[in-house]
Amino acid sequence: MKKIISSLLLLCVAISVSAGRLTSHAEKVLNAYNFWLYTPEDNPADEVEPKPLIVFLHGASLCGNNLDKVRRYGTIDAIEKGRKIDAYVIAPQNPGGSWNPRKIMNIIDWVGDNHNIDYDRIYVMGMSLGGYGTIDMVATYPDQIAAAMALCGGGTVSDLSGLNEVPLWIVHGTADRAVSIGQSDRVVSAMRKADDATPRLVYDRVPGMNHSQPARFFYLQESYDWLMSHSLKDNGREVRETFDPAGGILKTAYKDLKSTGRRKTAASKSRKSGRTSSTRKSKSNS
């Protein structure tokens, strides 16, 4: 009975977070995932200027039918820990299997119909299974995604040529034993086959980084600053300068955040390992 009550409460829960509001949406949108929605302004009428929209795609460990799992790590957890993000945030839950770009876009369309989002500033970021979902989403909708960050993932769609149209930052560690770095290499190879220059790609192959450590990107303000520095209106859709993930910045990810008392994030559980400079492949490299 307690489990049933908890499930019912989850369907209608609204959680105030900082200046914004976090709400759960289960079975809200047709042909879509259940999802969390963070609104940066606690204003039902949304009588403010349009704001960016960030889509966070989780990894396989958060798959299921319990939306609360999606708060264990990632963008929503970062917000609850005090990270201030002046954007709408969608955090869907995948029940299992590959992410479906159409289902994600159905959520974006619903949020756009009900809130004042900036359609020129829609971003996607994900890790592991969510990294695959990010690549698939960007390849499917390159004309609607302003920038994206894919961490330790790969891609499943057959045509990856559209990735070259979007400022894209791919990060993968050489010590990843869960998802081989070869999966990201394959994505980059497909991009280069379509366009040798890959003008909007930044690819970091980070020596010594394991599968858990990229989760720290979700807690860094610099990650969101990089995403939101891009717009579909940018002349030539130029990719902005990134920070070096092997330069020690990831170690500072949690320093200005609070603990919520819930279970530790995947990144905080990861073992420490030494890092050297990453191999950075961007528009200036072949």
C-alpha atoms as a PDB file:
ATOM      1  CA  MET A   1       0.000   0.000   0.000  1.00  0.00           C
ATOM      2  CA  LYS A   2       2.828   2.404   0.832  1.00  0.00           C
ATOM      3  CA  LYS A   3       4.401   1.762  -2.572  1.00  0.00           C
ATOM      4  CA  ILE A   4       1.097   2.499  -4.301  1.00  0.00           C
ATOM      5  CA  ILE A   5       0.647   5.740  -2.375  1.00  0.00           C
ATOM      6  CA  SER A   6       4.204   6.784  -3.173  1.00  0.00           C
ATOM      7  CA  SER A   7       3.654   6.119  -6.870  1.00  0.00           C
ATOM      8  CA  LEU A   8       0.466   8.172  -6.894  1.00  0.00           C
ATOM      9  CA  LEU A   9       2.156  11.050  -5.142  1.00  0.00           C
ATOM     10  CA  LEU A  10       4.967  10.993  -7.668  1.00  0.00           C
ATOM     11  CA  LEU A  11       2.499  11.599 -10.487  1.00  0.00           C
ATOM     12  CA  CYS A  12       1.418  14.945  -9.118  1.00  0.00           C
ATOM     13  CA  VAL A  13       4.389  16.088  -7.072  1.00  0.00           C
ATOM     14  CA  ALA A  14       5.694  19.616  -7.539  1.00  0.00           C
ATOM     15  CA  ILE A  15       9.012  20.423  -5.930  1.00  0.00           C
ATOM     16  CA  SER A  16      10.263  23.954  -5.465  1.00  0.00           C
ATOM     17  CA  VAL A  17      13.958  24.189  -6.320  1.00  0.00           C
ATOM     18  CA  SER A  18      15.721  27.498  -5.767  1.00  0.00           C
ATOM     19  CA  ALA A  19      13.877  30.174  -7.805  1.00  0.00           C
ATOM     20  CA  GLY A  20      12.316  27.633 -10.173  1.00  0.00           C
ATOM     21  CA  ARG A  21      10.053  24.610  -9.941  1.00  0.00           C
ATOM     22  CA  LEU A  22      10.550  20.924 -10.615  1.00  0.00           C
ATOM     23  CA  THR A  23       7.493  18.914 -11.636  1.00  0.00           C
ATOM     24  CA  SER A  24       7.009  15.295 -12.661  1.00  0.00           C
ATOM     25  CA  HIS A  25       4.990  14.353 -15.719  1.00  0.00           C
ATOM     26  CA  ALA A  26       3.964  10.729 -16.010  1.00  0.00           C
ATOM     27  CA  GLU A  27       1.868   9.608 -18.989  1.00  0.00           C
ATOM     28  CA  LYS A  28       1.436  13.296 -19.815  1.00  0.00           C
ATOM     29  CA  VAL A  29       2.507  13.341 -23.460  1.00  0.00           C
ATOM     30  CA  LEU A  30       1.341  10.890 -26.129  1.00  0.00           C
ATOM     31  CA  ASN A  31       4.086   8.689 -27.620  1.00  0.00           C
ATOM     32  CA  ALA A  32       6.718  10.074 -25.268  1.00  0.00           C
ATOM     33  CA  TYR A  33       8.593   9.274 -22.066  1.00  0.00           C
ATOM     34  CA  ASN A  34       7.653  10.163 -18.526  1.00  0.00           C
ATOM     35  CA  PHE A  35       9.777  13.152 -17.574  1.00  0.00           C
ATOM     36  CA  TRP A  36      10.811  15.755 -15.062  1.00  0.00           C
ATOM     37  CA  LEU A  37      10.465  19.393 -16.061  1.00  0.00           C
ATOM     38  CA  TYR A  38      12.394  22.183 -14.373  1.00  0.00           C
ATOM     39  CA  THR A  39      11.030  25.670 -15.012  1.00  0.00           C
ATOM     40  CA  PRO A  40      13.497  28.465 -14.144  1.00  0.00           C
ATOM     41  CA  GLU A  41      10.780  30.930 -13.172  1.00  0.00           C
ATOM     42  CA  ASP A  42       8.071  29.975 -10.684  1.00  0.00           C
ATOM     43  CA  ASN A  43       5.479  31.758 -12.792  1.00  0.00           C
ATOM     44  CA  PRO A  44       2.530  29.726 -14.166  1.00  0.00           C
ATOM     45  CA  ALA A  45       1.881  32.307 -16.860  1.00  0.00           C
ATOM     46  CA  ASP A  46       5.516  32.269 -18.016  1.00  0.00           C
ATOM     47  CA  GLU A  47       5.289  36.012 -18.557  1.00  0.00           C
ATOM     48  CA  VAL A  48       9.027  36.319 -19.076  1.00  0.00           C
ATOM     49  CA  GLU A  49      11.330  36.379 -22.065  1.00  0.00           C
ATOM     50  CA  PRO A  50      11.898  33.053 -23.838  1.00  0.00           C
ATOM     51  CA  LYS A  51      14.486  30.892 -22.115  1.00  0.00           C
ATOM     52  CA  PRO A  52      16.753  28.106 -23.381  1.00  0.00           C
ATOM     53  CA  LEU A  53      15.787  24.452 -23.076  1.00  0.00           C
ATOM     54  CA  ILE A  54      18.184  21.693 -21.997  1.00  0.00           C
ATOM     55  CA  VAL A  55      17.422  18.002 -22.470  1.00  0.00           C
ATOM     56  CA  PHE A  56      19.264  15.634 -20.105  1.00  0.00           C
ATOM     57  CA  LEU A  57      19.412  11.972 -21.162  1.00  0.00           C
ATOM     58  CA  HIS A  58      20.428   9.500 -18.457  1.00  0.00           C
ATOM     59  CA  GLY A  59      22.385   6.255 -18.675  1.00  0.00           C
ATOM     60  CA  ALA A  60      21.147   2.665 -18.397  1.00  0.00           C
ATOM     61  CA  SER A  61      21.347   2.571 -14.583  1.00  0.00           C
ATOM     62  CA  LEU A  62      18.420   5.008 -14.322  1.00  0.00           C
ATOM     63  CA  CYS A  63      16.136   3.178 -16.754  1.00  0.00           C
ATOM     64  CA  GLY A  64      12.807   1.935 -15.418  1.00  0.00           C
ATOM     65  CA  ASN A  65       9.392   3.207 -14.400  1.00  0.00           C
ATOM     66  CA  ASN A  66      10.281   5.120 -11.256  1.00  0.00           C
ATOM     67  CA  LEU A  67      10.794   8.771 -12.185  1.00  0.00           C
ATOM     68  CA  ASP A  68      12.539   9.473  -8.910  1.00  0.00           C
ATOM     69  CA  LYS A  69      15.536   7.473 -10.157  1.00  0.00           C
ATOM     70  CA  VAL A  70      16.256  10.218 -12.684  1.00  0.00           C
ATOM     71  CA  ARG A  71      17.136  12.548  -9.808  1.00  0.00           C
ATOM     72  CA  ARG A  72      20.064  10.368  -8.676  1.00  0.00           C
ATOM     73  CA  TYR A  73      22.610  12.093 -10.897  1.00  0.00           C
ATOM     74  CA  GLY A  74      22.731  14.561 -13.748  1.00  0.00           C
ATOM     75  CA  THR A  75      21.250  17.966 -14.445  1.00  0.00           C
ATOM     76  CA  ILE A  76      18.241  17.658 -12.140  1.00  0.00           C
ATOM     77  CA  ASP A  77      20.452  16.487  -9.277  1.00  0.00           C
ATOM     78  CA  ALA A  78      22.833  19.380  -9.965  1.00  0.00           C
ATOM     79  CA  ILE A  79      19.960  21.866  -9.740  1.00  0.00           C
ATOM     80  CA  GLU A  80      18.767  20.329  -6.476  1.00  0.00           C
ATOM     81  CA  LYS A  81      22.293  20.645  -5.148  1.00  0.00           C
ATOM     82  CA  GLY A  82      22.296  24.363  -5.938  1.00  0.00           C
ATOM     83  CA  ARG A  83      23.505  24.681  -9.519  1.00  0.00           C
ATOM     84  CA  LYS A  84      21.651  27.667 -10.968  1.00  0.00           C
ATOM     85  CA  ILE A  85      20.644  27.097 -14.571  1.00  0.00           C
ATOM     86  CA  ASP A  86      18.589  29.807 -16.240  1.00  0.00           C
ATOM     87  CA  ALA A  87      16.859  27.444 -18.627  1.00  0.00           C
ATOM     88  CA  TYR A  88      14.051  24.939 -18.819  1.00  0.00           C
ATOM     89  CA  VAL A  89      15.312  21.406 -18.244  1.00  0.00           C
ATOM     90  CA  ILE A  90      13.679  18.210 -19.485  1.00  0.00           C
ATOM     91  CA  ALA A  91      14.833  14.947 -17.889  1.00  0.00           C
ATOM     92  CA  PRO A  92      12.899  12.013 -19.392  1.00  0.00           C
ATOM     93  CA  GLN A  93      13.099   8.461 -18.116  1.00  0.00           C
ATOM     94  CA  ASN A  94      13.820   5.679 -20.570  1.00  0.00           C
ATOM     95  CA  PRO A  95      12.040   2.455 -19.495  1.00  0.00           C
ATOM     96  CA  GLY A  96      14.684   0.412 -21.312  1.00  0.00           C
ATOM     97  CA  GLY A  97      16.368   0.037 -24.691  1.00  0.00           C
ATOM     98  CA  SER A  98      17.722   2.733 -26.994  1.00  0.00           C
ATOM     99  CA  TRP A  99      16.503   6.313 -26.704  1.00  0.00           C
ATOM    100  CA  ASN A 100      13.870   7.213 -29.302  1.00  0.00           C
ATOM    101  CA  PRO A 101      14.491  10.698 -30.804  1.00  0.00           C
ATOM    102  CA  ARG A 102      10.856  11.086 -31.856  1.00  0.00           C
ATOM    103  CA  LYS A 103       9.629  10.487 -28.293  1.00  0.00           C
ATOM    104  CA  ILE A 104      12.088  13.073 -26.982  1.00  0.00           C
ATOM    105  CA  MET A 105      10.980  15.590 -29.600  1.00  0.00           C
ATOM    106  CA  ASN A 106       7.348  14.995 -28.629  1.00  0.00           C
ATOM    107  CA  ILE A 107       8.241  16.132 -25.105  1.00  0.00           C
ATOM    108  CA  ILE A 108      10.051  19.192 -26.458  1.00  0.00           C
ATOM    109  CA  ASP A 109       7.005  20.063 -28.568  1.00  0.00           C
ATOM    110  CA  TRP A 110       4.722  19.745 -25.523  1.00  0.00           C
ATOM    111  CA  VAL A 111       6.969  21.936 -23.388  1.00  0.00           C
ATOM    112  CA  GLY A 112       7.130  24.480 -26.203  1.00  0.00           C
ATOM    113  CA  ASP A 113       3.340  24.545 -26.431  1.00  0.00           C
ATOM    114  CA  ASN A 114       2.982  25.114 -22.689  1.00  0.00           C
ATOM    115  CA  HIS A 115       5.998  27.257 -21.813  1.00  0.00           C
ATOM    116  CA  ASN A 116       7.933  30.165 -23.250  1.00  0.00           C
ATOM    117  CA  ILE A 117      11.051  28.409 -24.579  1.00  0.00           C
ATOM    118  CA  ASP A 118      13.618  29.854 -26.963  1.00  0.00           C
ATOM    119  CA  TYR A 119      13.471  27.591 -30.018  1.00  0.00           C
ATOM    120  CA  ASP A 120      16.855  28.870 -31.187  1.00  0.00           C
ATOM    121  CA  ARG A 121      18.507  27.594 -28.007  1.00  0.00           C
ATOM    122  CA  ILE A 122      17.593  23.937 -27.483  1.00  0.00           C
ATOM    123  CA  TYR A 123      20.418  21.722 -26.201  1.00  0.00           C
ATOM    124  CA  VAL A 124      20.953  18.018 -25.543  1.00  0.00           C
ATOM    125  CA  MET A 125      23.430  16.378 -23.177  1.00  0.00           C
ATOM    126  CA  GLY A 126      23.735  12.765 -22.091  1.00  0.00           C
ATOM    127  CA  MET A 127      26.054  10.099 -20.754  1.00  0.00           C
ATOM    128  CA  SER A 128      26.533   6.406 -21.605  1.00  0.00           C
ATOM    129  CA  LEU A 129      23.140   5.256 -22.946  1.00  0.00           C
ATOM    130  CA  GLY A 130      22.278   8.959 -22.813  1.00  0.00           C
ATOM    131  CA  GLY A 131      25.380   9.673 -24.882  1.00  0.00           C
ATOM    132  CA  TYR A 132      24.012   7.351 -27.551  1.00  0.00           C
ATOM    133  CA  GLY A 133      20.660   9.120 -27.252  1.00  0.00           C
ATOM    134  CA  THR A 134      22.318  12.514 -27.650  1.00  0.00           C
ATOM    135  CA  ILE A 135      24.088  11.477 -30.852  1.00  0.00           C
ATOM    136  CA  ASP A 136      20.915   9.912 -32.256  1.00  0.00           C
ATOM    137  CA  MET A 137      18.840  12.970 -31.320  1.00  0.00           C
ATOM    138  CA  VAL A 138      21.250  15.444 -32.921  1.00  0.00           C
ATOM    139  CA  ALA A 139      21.672  13.334 -36.058  1.00  0.00           C
ATOM    140  CA  THR A 140      17.881  13.142 -36.419  1.00  0.00           C
ATOM    141  CA  TYR A 141      17.129  16.832 -35.714  1.00  0.00           C
ATOM    142  CA  PRO A 142      20.280  18.818 -36.608  1.00  0.00           C
ATOM    143  CA  ASP A 143      18.233  21.851 -37.629  1.00  0.00           C
ATOM    144  CA  GLN A 144      16.549  22.113 -34.221  1.00  0.00           C
ATOM    145  CA  ILE A 145      19.411  21.464 -31.767  1.00  0.00           C
ATOM    146  CA  ALA A 146      21.692  24.454 -31.110  1.00  0.00           C
ATOM    147  CA  ALA A 147      24.509  22.440 -29.451  1.00  0.00           C
ATOM    148  CA  ALA A 148      25.070  19.101 -27.762  1.00  0.00           C
ATOM    149  CA  MET A 149      27.388  17.250 -25.418  1.00  0.00           C
ATOM    150  CA  ALA A 150      27.743  13.450 -25.721  1.00  0.00           C
ATOM    151  CA  LEU A 151      29.666  11.690 -22.944  1.00  0.00           C
ATOM    152  CA  CYS A 152      31.072   8.141 -23.158  1.00  0.00           C
ATOM    153  CA  GLY A 153      28.462   6.919 -25.606  1.00  0.00           C
ATOM    154  CA  GLY A 154      28.143   6.180 -29.297  1.00  0.00           C
ATOM    155  CA  GLY A 155      25.396   6.252 -31.909  1.00  0.00           C
ATOM    156  CA  THR A 156      22.806   3.872 -33.325  1.00  0.00           C
ATOM    157  CA  VAL A 157      21.149   5.720 -36.225  1.00  0.00           C
ATOM    158  CA  SER A 158      22.371   4.772 -39.678  1.00  0.00           C
ATOM    159  CA  ASP A 159      22.938   8.308 -40.971  1.00  0.00           C
ATOM    160  CA  LEU A 160      25.251  10.410 -38.803  1.00  0.00           C
ATOM    161  CA  SER A 161      26.036  13.049 -41.422  1.00  0.00           C
ATOM    162  CA  GLY A 162      23.700  15.567 -39.773  1.00  0.00           C
ATOM    163  CA  LEU A 163      26.018  15.745 -36.760  1.00  0.00           C
ATOM    164  CA  ASN A 164      28.337  17.992 -38.784  1.00  0.00           C
ATOM    165  CA  GLU A 165      25.685  20.712 -38.800  1.00  0.00           C
ATOM    166  CA  VAL A 166      25.642  21.064 -34.992  1.00  0.00           C
ATOM    167  CA  PRO A 167      28.261  22.299 -32.505  1.00  0.00           C
ATOM    168  CA  LEU A 168      29.026  18.965 -30.848  1.00  0.00           C
ATOM    169  CA  TRP A 169      31.354  18.082 -27.985  1.00  0.00           C
ATOM    170  CA  ILE A 170      32.123  14.384 -27.594  1.00  0.00           C
ATOM    171  CA  VAL A 171      34.079  13.189 -24.554  1.00  0.00           C
ATOM    172  CA  HIS A 172      35.233   9.608 -23.925  1.00  0.00           C
ATOM    173  CA  GLY A 173      37.870   8.131 -21.629  1.00  0.00           C
ATOM    174  CA  THR A 174      40.510   5.650 -22.727  1.00  0.00           C
ATOM    175  CA  ALA A 175      39.980   3.677 -19.487  1.00  0.00           C
ATOM    176  CA  ASP A 176      36.239   3.216 -20.056  1.00  0.00           C
ATOM    177  CA  ARG A 177      35.442  -0.471 -19.563  1.00  0.00           C
ATOM    178  CA  ALA A 178      31.654  -0.148 -19.828  1.00  0.00           C
ATOM    179  CA  VAL A 179      31.420   1.520 -23.244  1.00  0.00           C
ATOM    180  CA  SER A 180      34.497   1.205 -25.424  1.00  0.00           C
ATOM    181  CA  ILE A 181      36.012   4.445 -26.665  1.00  0.00           C
ATOM    182  CA  GLY A 182      35.798   2.811 -30.067  1.00  0.00           C
ATOM    183  CA  GLN A 183      32.074   3.645 -30.054  1.00  0.00           C
ATOM    184  CA  SER A 184      32.828   7.375 -30.042  1.00  0.00           C
ATOM    185  CA  ASP A 185      35.655   6.821 -32.531  1.00  0.00           C
ATOM    186  CA  ARG A 186      33.125   5.210 -34.867  1.00  0.00           C
ATOM    187  CA  VAL A 187      30.813   8.227 -34.622  1.00  0.00           C
ATOM    188  CA  VAL A 188      33.668  10.614 -35.368  1.00  0.00           C
ATOM    189  CA  SER A 189      34.833   8.466 -38.298  1.00  0.00           C
ATOM    190  CA  ALA A 190      31.328   8.606 -39.777  1.00  0.00           C
ATOM    191  CA  MET A 191      31.301  12.387 -39.375  1.00  0.00           C
ATOM    192  CA  ARG A 192      34.656  12.709 -41.103  1.00  0.00           C
ATOM    193  CA  LYS A 193      33.533  10.446 -43.898  1.00  0.00           C
ATOM    194  CA  ALA A 194      30.703  12.898 -44.536  1.00  0.00           C
ATOM    195  CA  ASP A 195      32.909  15.986 -44.087  1.00  0.00           C
ATOM    196  CA  ASP A 196      36.683  15.760 -43.667  1.00  0.00           C
ATOM    197  CA  ALA A 197      36.818  19.110 -41.865  1.00  0.00           C
ATOM    198  CA  THR A 198      34.195  18.319 -39.174  1.00  0.00           C
ATOM    199  CA  PRO A 199      34.072  22.096 -38.523  1.00  0.00           C
ATOM    200  CA  ARG A 200      31.744  21.980 -35.514  1.00  0.00           C
ATOM    201  CA  LEU A 201      33.186  18.983 -33.687  1.00  0.00           C
ATOM    202  CA  VAL A 202      35.282  18.908 -30.540  1.00  0.00           C
ATOM    203  CA  TYR A 203      36.374  15.379 -29.647  1.00  0.00           C
ATOM    204  CA  ASP A 204      38.207  14.737 -26.372  1.00  0.00           C
ATOM    205  CA  ARG A 205      39.750  11.293 -25.902  1.00  0.00           C
ATOM    206  CA  VAL A 206      40.801  11.579 -22.267  1.00  0.00           C
ATOM    207  CA  PRO A 207      43.660   9.324 -21.118  1.00  0.00           C
ATOM    208  CA  GLY A 208      42.867   7.433 -17.887  1.00  0.00           C
ATOM    209  CA  MET A 209      39.229   8.556 -17.644  1.00  0.00           C
ATOM    210  CA  ASN A 210      36.837   5.737 -16.715  1.00  0.00           C
ATOM    211  CA  HIS A 211      33.109   5.382 -17.359  1.00  0.00           C
ATOM    212  CA  SER A 212      31.882   7.150 -14.213  1.00  0.00           C
ATOM    213  CA  GLN A 213      33.999  10.282 -14.209  1.00  0.00           C
ATOM    214  CA  PRO A 214      32.250  12.075 -17.128  1.00  0.00           C
ATOM    215  CA  ALA A 215      29.160  12.433 -14.873  1.00  0.00           C
ATOM    216  CA  ARG A 216      30.983  15.370 -13.302  1.00  0.00           C
ATOM    217  CA  PHE A 217      30.259  17.422 -16.422  1.00  0.00           C
ATOM    218  CA  PHE A 218      26.634  17.689 -15.308  1.00  0.00           C
ATOM    219  CA  TYR A 219      27.666  19.511 -12.129  1.00  0.00           C
ATOM    220  CA  LEU A 220      30.000  22.078 -13.704  1.00  0.00           C
ATOM    221  CA  GLN A 221      28.650  25.533 -14.495  1.00  0.00           C
ATOM    222  CA  GLU A 222      31.109  25.653 -17.384  1.00  0.00           C
ATOM    223  CA  SER A 223      29.279  22.817 -19.139  1.00  0.00           C
ATOM    224  CA  TYR A 224      26.037  24.773 -19.244  1.00  0.00           C
ATOM    225  CA  ASP A 225      27.827  27.997 -20.138  1.00  0.00           C
ATOM    226  CA  TRP A 226      29.340  26.217 -23.141  1.00  0.00           C
ATOM    227  CA  LEU A 227      26.017  24.800 -24.313  1.00  0.00           C
ATOM    228  CA  MET A 228      24.103  28.040 -23.888  1.00  0.00           C
ATOM    229  CA  SER A 229      26.738  30.097 -25.712  1.00  0.00           C
ATOM    230  CA  HIS A 230      25.340  28.608 -28.945  1.00  0.00           C
ATOM    231  CA  SER A 231      22.237  29.552 -30.912  1.00  0.00           C
ATOM    232  CA  LEU A 232      20.682  28.495 -34.188  1.00  0.00           C
ATOM    233  CA  LYS A 233      21.005  32.154 -35.149  1.00  0.00           C
ATOM    234  CA  ASP A 234      24.821  32.083 -34.879  1.00  0.00           C
ATOM    235  CA  ASN A 235      26.550  33.028 -38.098  1.00  0.00           C
ATOM    236  CA  GLY A 236      27.858  29.741 -39.494  1.00  0.00           C
ATOM    237  CA  ARG A 237      26.874  27.979 -36.245  1.00  0.00           C
ATOM    238  CA  GLU A 238      30.467  28.152 -35.061  1.00  0.00           C
ATOM    239  CA  VAL A 239      31.489  25.907 -32.163  1.00  0.00           C
ATOM    240  CA  ARG A 240      32.652  27.781 -29.066  1.00  0.00           C
ATOM    241  CA  GLU A 241      35.870  27.114 -27.204  1.00  0.00           C
ATOM    242  CA  THR A 242      35.675  24.272 -24.688  1.00  0.00           C
ATOM    243  CA  PHE A 243      37.575  23.637 -21.463  1.00  0.00           C
ATOM    244  CA  ASP A 244      40.106  20.804 -21.151  1.00  0.00           C
ATOM    245  CA  PRO A 245      38.500  17.909 -19.235  1.00  0.00           C
ATOM    246  CA  ALA A 246      41.960  16.550 -18.403  1.00  0.00           C
ATOM    247  CA  GLY A 247      43.133  19.825 -16.908  1.00  0.00           C
ATOM    248  CA  GLY A 248      41.732  19.273 -13.417  1.00  0.00           C
ATOM    249  CA  ILE A 249      38.474  21.185 -13.763  1.00  0.00           C
ATOM    250  CA  LEU A 250      36.346  18.048 -13.264  1.00  0.00           C
ATOM    251  CA  LYS A 251      37.758  17.713  -9.749  1.00  0.00           C
ATOM    252  CA  THR A 252      36.036  21.010  -8.852  1.00  0.00           C
ATOM    253  CA  ALA A 253      32.589  19.891 -10.036  1.00  0.00           C
ATOM    254  CA  TYR A 254      31.002  19.650  -6.574  1.00  0.00           C
ATOM    255  CA  LYS A 255      32.938  22.289  -4.647  1.00  0.00           C
ATOM    256  CA  ASP A 256      30.240  24.972  -4.736  1.00  0.00           C
ATOM    257  CA  LEU A 257      27.293  22.589  -4.426  1.00  0.00           C
ATOM    258  CA  LYS A 258      25.442  21.251  -1.411  1.00  0.00           C
ATOM    259  CA  SER A 259      24.729  17.655  -0.468  1.00  0.00           C
ATOM    260  CA  THR A 260      21.071  16.620  -0.625  1.00  0.00           C
ATOM    261  CA  GLY A 261      21.439  13.548   1.557  1.00  0.00           C
ATOM    262  CA  ARG A 262      20.467  11.177  -1.254  1.00  0.00           C
ATOM    263  CA  ARG A 263      22.778   8.507  -2.610  1.00  0.00           C
ATOM    264  CA  LYS A 264      26.053   9.636  -4.062  1.00  0.00           C
ATOM    265  CA  THR A 265      26.298  10.290  -7.771  1.00  0.00           C
ATOM    266  CA  ALA A 266      28.022   7.951 -10.152  1.00  0.00           C
ATOM    267  CA  ALA A 267      30.863  10.410 -10.422  1.00  0.00           C
ATOM    268  CA  SER A 268      31.407  10.708  -6.674  1.00  0.00           C
ATOM    269  CA  LYS A 269      31.646   6.925  -6.421  1.00  0.00           C
ATOM    270  CA  SER A 270      34.259   6.600  -9.137  1.00  0.00           C
ATOM    271  CA  ARG A 271      37.791   5.748  -8.198  1.00  0.00           C
ATOM    272  CA  LYS A 272      40.461   8.375  -8.504  1.00  0.00           C
ATOM    273  CA  SER A 273      42.837   7.954 -11.390  1.00  0.00           C
ATOM    274  CA  GLY A 274      45.686  10.013 -12.754  1.00  0.00           C
ATOM    275  CA  ARG A 275      45.126  11.983 -15.947  1.00  0.00           C
ATOM    276  CA  THR A 276      47.386  13.471 -18.558  1.00  0.00           C
ATOM    277  CA  SER A 277      46.493  15.933 -21.260  1.00  0.00           C
ATOM    278  CA  SER A 278      43.586  14.855 -23.439  1.00  0.00           C
ATOM    279  CA  THR A 279      43.751  14.356 -27.170  1.00  0.00           C
ATOM    280  CA  ARG A 280      41.585  17.177 -28.491  1.00  0.00           C
ATOM    281  CA  LYS A 281      40.289  16.957 -32.038  1.00  0.00           C
ATOM    282  CA  SER A 282      38.301  19.947 -33.189  1.00  0.00           C
ATOM    283  CA  LYS A 283      37.838  21.978 -36.319  1.00  0.00           C
ATOM    284  CA  SER A 284      41.554  22.719 -36.358  1.00  0.00           C
ATOM    285  CA  ASN A 285      42.559  19.030 -36.430  1.00  0.00           C
ATOM    286  CA  SER A 286      42.133  16.322 -39.021  1.00  0.00           C
END
